[in-house]
C-alpha atoms as a PDB file:
ATOM      1  CA  MET A   1     165.459-124.426 -80.498  1.00  0.00           C
ATOM      2  CA  GLY A   2     163.129-123.897 -83.476  1.00  0.00           C
ATOM      3  CA  LEU A   3     165.803-121.888 -85.293  1.00  0.00           C
ATOM      4  CA  VAL A   4     168.371-124.634 -84.717  1.00  0.00           C
ATOM      5  CA  CYS A   5     165.986-127.240 -86.206  1.00  0.00           C
ATOM      6  CA  LEU A   6     165.234-125.002 -89.173  1.00  0.00           C
ATOM      7  CA  LEU A   7     168.928-124.443 -89.842  1.00  0.00           C
ATOM      8  CA  ALA A   8     169.576-128.185 -89.624  1.00  0.00           C
ATOM      9  CA  LEU A   9     166.808-128.886 -92.144  1.00  0.00           C
ATOM     10  CA  VAL A  10     168.064-126.238 -94.544  1.00  0.00           C
ATOM     11  CA  GLY A  11     171.580-127.623 -94.299  1.00  0.00           C
ATOM     12  CA  CYS A  12     170.303-131.079 -95.274  1.00  0.00           C
ATOM     13  CA  SER A  13     168.396-130.019 -98.359  1.00  0.00           C
ATOM     14  CA  GLY A  14     169.638-130.681-101.871  1.00  0.00           C
ATOM     15  CA  LEU A  15     169.198-127.057-102.889  1.00  0.00           C
ATOM     16  CA  SER A  16     171.790-124.324-102.879  1.00  0.00           C
ATOM     17  CA  GLY A  17     170.767-120.792-102.022  1.00  0.00           C
ATOM     18  CA  THR A  18     171.873-117.850-104.084  1.00  0.00           C
ATOM     19  CA  GLY A  19     171.245-115.064-101.638  1.00  0.00           C
ATOM     20  CA  ASP A  20     168.925-112.431-103.058  1.00  0.00           C
ATOM     21  CA  LYS A  21     169.170-113.578-106.691  1.00  0.00           C
ATOM     22  CA  GLY A  22     165.604-114.936-106.724  1.00  0.00           C
ATOM     23  CA  TYR A  23     166.359-118.522-107.644  1.00  0.00           C
ATOM     24  CA  ILE A  24     167.605-121.713-106.044  1.00  0.00           C
ATOM     25  CA  SER A  25     170.220-123.788-107.802  1.00  0.00           C
ATOM     26  CA  GLY A  26     169.229-127.437-107.854  1.00  0.00           C
ATOM     27  CA  THR A  27     171.706-130.258-107.495  1.00  0.00           C
ATOM     28  CA  GLY A  28     171.731-131.205-111.189  1.00  0.00           C
ATOM     29  CA  VAL A  29     171.002-134.840-110.363  1.00  0.00           C
ATOM     30  CA  PRO A  30     168.784-136.475-113.012  1.00  0.00           C
ATOM     31  CA  THR A  31     165.494-138.050-111.993  1.00  0.00           C
ATOM     32  CA  GLU A  32     163.982-140.630-114.335  1.00  0.00           C
ATOM     33  CA  VAL A  33     160.321-141.711-114.284  1.00  0.00           C
ATOM     34  CA  ALA A  34     159.393-145.240-115.396  1.00  0.00           C
ATOM     35  CA  PRO A  35     156.787-145.311-118.184  1.00  0.00           C
ATOM     36  CA  ALA A  36     154.178-146.917-115.891  1.00  0.00           C
ATOM     37  CA  ASP A  37     154.654-144.136-113.326  1.00  0.00           C
ATOM     38  CA  ARG A  38     154.329-141.149-115.654  1.00  0.00           C
ATOM     39  CA  GLY A  39     151.442-138.787-115.205  1.00  0.00           C
ATOM     40  CA  GLU A  40     149.262-137.027-117.732  1.00  0.00           C
ATOM     41  CA  PRO A  41     150.743-135.244-120.753  1.00  0.00           C
ATOM     42  CA  VAL A  42     151.991-131.735-120.079  1.00  0.00           C
ATOM     43  CA  ASP A  43     149.788-129.131-121.724  1.00  0.00           C
ATOM     44  CA  LEU A  44     151.521-125.836-122.408  1.00  0.00           C
ATOM     45  CA  THR A  45     150.870-123.124-124.923  1.00  0.00           C
ATOM     46  CA  GLY A  46     152.639-119.819-125.228  1.00  0.00           C
ATOM     47  CA  THR A  47     154.302-117.305-127.460  1.00  0.00           C
ATOM     48  CA  ASP A  48     157.953-117.591-128.368  1.00  0.00           C
ATOM     49  CA  LEU A  49     160.448-114.735-128.407  1.00  0.00           C
ATOM     50  CA  GLU A  50     159.751-114.081-132.087  1.00  0.00           C
ATOM     51  CA  GLY A  51     155.973-113.885-131.606  1.00  0.00           C
ATOM     52  CA  GLY A  52     155.166-117.399-132.840  1.00  0.00           C
ATOM     53  CA  ASP A  53     152.697-119.751-131.186  1.00  0.00           C
ATOM     54  CA  VAL A  54     154.070-122.743-129.275  1.00  0.00           C
ATOM     55  CA  ASP A  55     151.953-125.716-128.224  1.00  0.00           C
ATOM     56  CA  LEU A  56     153.651-128.739-126.676  1.00  0.00           C
ATOM     57  CA  ALA A  57     150.822-130.923-128.014  1.00  0.00           C
ATOM     58  CA  ASP A  58     152.054-130.155-131.537  1.00  0.00           C
ATOM     59  CA  LEU A  59     155.452-131.651-130.651  1.00  0.00           C
ATOM     60  CA  ARG A  60     154.169-135.037-129.492  1.00  0.00           C
ATOM     61  CA  GLY A  61     155.276-138.174-131.291  1.00  0.00           C
ATOM     62  CA  GLY A  62     158.878-138.050-130.119  1.00  0.00           C
ATOM     63  CA  PRO A  63     160.828-136.832-127.107  1.00  0.00           C
ATOM     64  CA  VAL A  64     160.792-133.135-126.247  1.00  0.00           C
ATOM     65  CA  VAL A  65     163.430-131.453-124.096  1.00  0.00           C
ATOM     66  CA  VAL A  66     162.138-128.431-122.189  1.00  0.00           C
ATOM     67  CA  ASN A  67     164.765-126.170-120.640  1.00  0.00           C
ATOM     68  CA  VAL A  68     163.882-123.438-118.140  1.00  0.00           C
ATOM     69  CA  TRP A  69     166.215-120.449-118.185  1.00  0.00           C
ATOM     70  CA  ALA A  70     166.601-116.727-117.538  1.00  0.00           C
ATOM     71  CA  SER A  71     169.104-114.373-119.139  1.00  0.00           C
ATOM     72  CA  TRP A  72     170.394-113.163-115.754  1.00  0.00           C
ATOM     73  CA  CYS A  73     171.048-116.706-114.429  1.00  0.00           C
ATOM     74  CA  PRO A  74     174.778-117.663-114.357  1.00  0.00           C
ATOM     75  CA  PRO A  75     174.143-121.457-114.287  1.00  0.00           C
ATOM     76  CA  CYS A  76     171.851-121.045-117.316  1.00  0.00           C
ATOM     77  CA  ILE A  77     174.617-119.309-119.238  1.00  0.00           C
ATOM     78  CA  THR A  78     177.082-122.014-118.199  1.00  0.00           C
ATOM     79  CA  GLU A  79     174.844-124.900-119.308  1.00  0.00           C
ATOM     80  CA  GLN A  80     173.667-123.442-122.643  1.00  0.00           C
ATOM     81  CA  PRO A  81     176.623-124.799-124.671  1.00  0.00           C
ATOM     82  CA  ASP A  82     175.805-128.308-123.352  1.00  0.00           C
ATOM     83  CA  LEU A  83     172.172-127.883-124.418  1.00  0.00           C
ATOM     84  CA  ASN A  84     173.250-126.673-127.857  1.00  0.00           C
ATOM     85  CA  GLU A  85     175.567-129.688-128.239  1.00  0.00           C
ATOM     86  CA  ALA A  86     172.847-132.097-127.094  1.00  0.00           C
ATOM     87  CA  ALA A  87     170.371-130.608-129.578  1.00  0.00           C
ATOM     88  CA  ALA A  88     172.924-131.057-132.380  1.00  0.00           C
ATOM     89  CA  ALA A  89     173.823-134.601-131.305  1.00  0.00           C
ATOM     90  CA  LEU A  90     170.201-135.739-131.044  1.00  0.00           C
ATOM     91  CA  GLY A  91     169.169-134.190-134.356  1.00  0.00           C
ATOM     92  CA  ASP A  92     165.667-134.235-135.770  1.00  0.00           C
ATOM     93  CA  ASP A  93     164.477-137.146-133.608  1.00  0.00           C
ATOM     94  CA  VAL A  94     164.074-134.792-130.650  1.00  0.00           C
ATOM     95  CA  GLN A  95     162.479-131.372-130.269  1.00  0.00           C
ATOM     96  CA  PHE A  96     163.875-128.742-127.900  1.00  0.00           C
ATOM     97  CA  ILE A  97     161.958-125.815-126.455  1.00  0.00           C
ATOM     98  CA  GLY A  98     163.081-123.211-123.950  1.00  0.00           C
ATOM     99  CA  LEU A  99     161.005-121.568-121.236  1.00  0.00           C
ATOM    100  CA  ASN A 100     162.347-118.122-120.530  1.00  0.00           C
ATOM    101  CA  ILE A 101     160.945-117.106-117.161  1.00  0.00           C
ATOM    102  CA  ARG A 102     161.182-114.037-114.976  1.00  0.00           C
ATOM    103  CA  ASP A 103     163.077-111.884-117.467  1.00  0.00           C
ATOM    104  CA  ALA A 104     161.778-108.332-117.200  1.00  0.00           C
ATOM    105  CA  SER A 105     162.658-107.601-120.801  1.00  0.00           C
ATOM    106  CA  GLN A 106     162.020-109.645-123.908  1.00  0.00           C
ATOM    107  CA  ASP A 107     165.050-107.845-125.375  1.00  0.00           C
ATOM    108  CA  ASP A 108     167.284-109.357-122.662  1.00  0.00           C
ATOM    109  CA  ALA A 109     165.940-112.819-123.455  1.00  0.00           C
ATOM    110  CA  ALA A 110     166.446-112.291-127.210  1.00  0.00           C
ATOM    111  CA  ALA A 111     170.035-111.137-126.584  1.00  0.00           C
ATOM    112  CA  TYR A 112     170.720-114.345-124.593  1.00  0.00           C
ATOM    113  CA  VAL A 113     169.374-116.475-127.458  1.00  0.00           C
ATOM    114  CA  ARG A 114     171.413-114.550-130.015  1.00  0.00           C
ATOM    115  CA  ASP A 115     174.660-114.358-128.018  1.00  0.00           C
ATOM    116  CA  LEU A 116     174.603-118.016-126.933  1.00  0.00           C
ATOM    117  CA  GLU A 117     173.375-119.221-130.346  1.00  0.00           C
ATOM    118  CA  VAL A 118     170.375-121.092-128.934  1.00  0.00           C
ATOM    119  CA  PRO A 119     169.160-123.265-131.839  1.00  0.00           C
ATOM    120  CA  TYR A 120     165.527-123.661-130.707  1.00  0.00           C
ATOM    121  CA  ALA A 121     162.542-121.476-129.828  1.00  0.00           C
ATOM    122  CA  SER A 122     161.803-120.296-126.299  1.00  0.00           C
ATOM    123  CA  VAL A 123     158.454-119.391-124.764  1.00  0.00           C
ATOM    124  CA  TYR A 124     158.612-115.973-123.107  1.00  0.00           C
ATOM    125  CA  SER A 125     156.970-116.104-119.668  1.00  0.00           C
ATOM    126  CA  PRO A 126     158.095-113.153-117.530  1.00  0.00           C
ATOM    127  CA  ASP A 127     155.657-114.090-114.749  1.00  0.00           C
ATOM    128  CA  GLY A 128     156.782-117.734-114.726  1.00  0.00           C
ATOM    129  CA  ALA A 129     153.255-119.020-115.489  1.00  0.00           C
ATOM    130  CA  ALA A 130     154.737-121.386-118.103  1.00  0.00           C
ATOM    131  CA  LEU A 131     156.011-123.485-115.179  1.00  0.00           C
ATOM    132  CA  LEU A 132     152.515-124.238-113.856  1.00  0.00           C
ATOM    133  CA  PRO A 133     151.976-127.300-116.106  1.00  0.00           C
ATOM    134  CA  PHE A 134     155.169-128.760-114.583  1.00  0.00           C
ATOM    135  CA  ALA A 135     153.959-128.513-110.957  1.00  0.00           C
ATOM    136  CA  GLY A 136     155.254-131.477-109.004  1.00  0.00           C
ATOM    137  CA  THR A 137     158.307-131.743-111.244  1.00  0.00           C
ATOM    138  CA  LEU A 138     159.651-128.184-111.238  1.00  0.00           C
ATOM    139  CA  THR A 139     159.457-125.431-108.666  1.00  0.00           C
ATOM    140  CA  PRO A 140     158.981-121.746-109.479  1.00  0.00           C
ATOM    141  CA  ARG A 141     162.494-120.930-108.265  1.00  0.00           C
ATOM    142  CA  SER A 142     164.490-123.785-109.823  1.00  0.00           C
ATOM    143  CA  ILE A 143     166.414-122.095-112.587  1.00  0.00           C
ATOM    144  CA  PRO A 144     167.827-123.693-114.649  1.00  0.00           C
ATOM    145  CA  SER A 145     165.824-126.880-114.959  1.00  0.00           C
ATOM    146  CA  THR A 146     165.401-129.371-117.774  1.00  0.00           C
ATOM    147  CA  VAL A 147     162.571-131.823-118.408  1.00  0.00           C
ATOM    148  CA  VAL A 148     162.455-134.641-120.954  1.00  0.00           C
ATOM    149  CA  LEU A 149     158.952-135.463-122.180  1.00  0.00           C
ATOM    150  CA  ASP A 150     158.175-138.793-123.813  1.00  0.00           C
ATOM    151  CA  ALA A 151     156.375-139.216-127.152  1.00  0.00           C
ATOM    152  CA  GLU A 152     153.027-138.845-125.372  1.00  0.00           C
ATOM    153  CA  GLY A 153     154.088-135.582-123.704  1.00  0.00           C
ATOM    154  CA  ARG A 154     154.540-137.065-120.227  1.00  0.00           C
ATOM    155  CA  VAL A 155     157.463-136.245-117.911  1.00  0.00           C
ATOM    156  CA  ALA A 156     160.051-139.009-118.414  1.00  0.00           C
ATOM    157  CA  ALA A 157     163.040-137.337-116.734  1.00  0.00           C
ATOM    158  CA  SER A 158     164.059-134.076-115.116  1.00  0.00           C
ATOM    159  CA  VAL A 159     167.118-132.256-113.864  1.00  0.00           C
ATOM    160  CA  ASN A 160     166.630-129.514-111.282  1.00  0.00           C
ATOM    161  CA  GLY A 161     169.694-127.374-111.681  1.00  0.00           C
ATOM    162  CA  ARG A 162     172.299-127.230-114.410  1.00  0.00           C
ATOM    163  CA  ILE A 163     172.646-130.385-116.492  1.00  0.00           C
ATOM    164  CA  PRO A 164     175.947-131.977-115.449  1.00  0.00           C
ATOM    165  CA  THR A 165     177.163-132.719-118.988  1.00  0.00           C
ATOM    166  CA  THR A 166     175.976-132.901-122.577  1.00  0.00           C
ATOM    167  CA  GLN A 167     176.173-136.703-122.352  1.00  0.00           C
ATOM    168  CA  THR A 168     173.904-136.759-119.299  1.00  0.00           C
ATOM    169  CA  LEU A 169     171.119-135.101-121.272  1.00  0.00           C
ATOM    170  CA  VAL A 170     171.768-137.168-124.391  1.00  0.00           C
ATOM    171  CA  SER A 171     171.595-140.378-122.318  1.00  0.00           C
ATOM    172  CA  LEU A 172     168.293-139.330-120.696  1.00  0.00           C
ATOM    173  CA  VAL A 173     166.775-138.633-124.107  1.00  0.00           C
ATOM    174  CA  GLU A 174     168.197-141.808-125.681  1.00  0.00           C
ATOM    175  CA  ALA A 175     166.552-143.842-122.906  1.00  0.00           C
ATOM    176  CA  VAL A 176     163.202-142.327-123.927  1.00  0.00           C
ATOM    177  CA  LEU A 177     163.932-142.934-127.624  1.00  0.00           C
ATOM    178  CA  ASP A 178     164.655-146.603-126.844  1.00  0.00           C
ATOM    179  CA  GLU A 179     161.271-147.178-125.162  1.00  0.00           C
END
């Protein structure tokens, strides 16, 4: 009976399994957080793939899009052109930063950035520790995921899973710009 209940619960979740791939594909449904309901600013520091320092606090003052990816993740590869288009469409009013997690090799991550022409820096976090400041919004196994931070660095919106379209992300960010 317990197994039947467990299977029923799993079947009702919004997550899709990927077998032994080590990640769970989210549904890609955006979640927006009203300004009054946003928590504390997200504090994250790290080193990008080129050895530079990254501090989300330095990017405050406008929206920041944070995308979580791994070079071995098929949905990440599929969504990267949409992220590139959104970054171009939103221009200098919005900062983008990637969080490369669970890649065993920095070379693999750098090849992804080069091959997919990623126009923004990515923090390299092979152990996934860069996700800790996003606890409650992101899970350690939700790859890809995207978070929109407001001008104060608070979570304003998130998408667990691949962003559905470029316009979806642009609309989420524009809503934050219009606040």
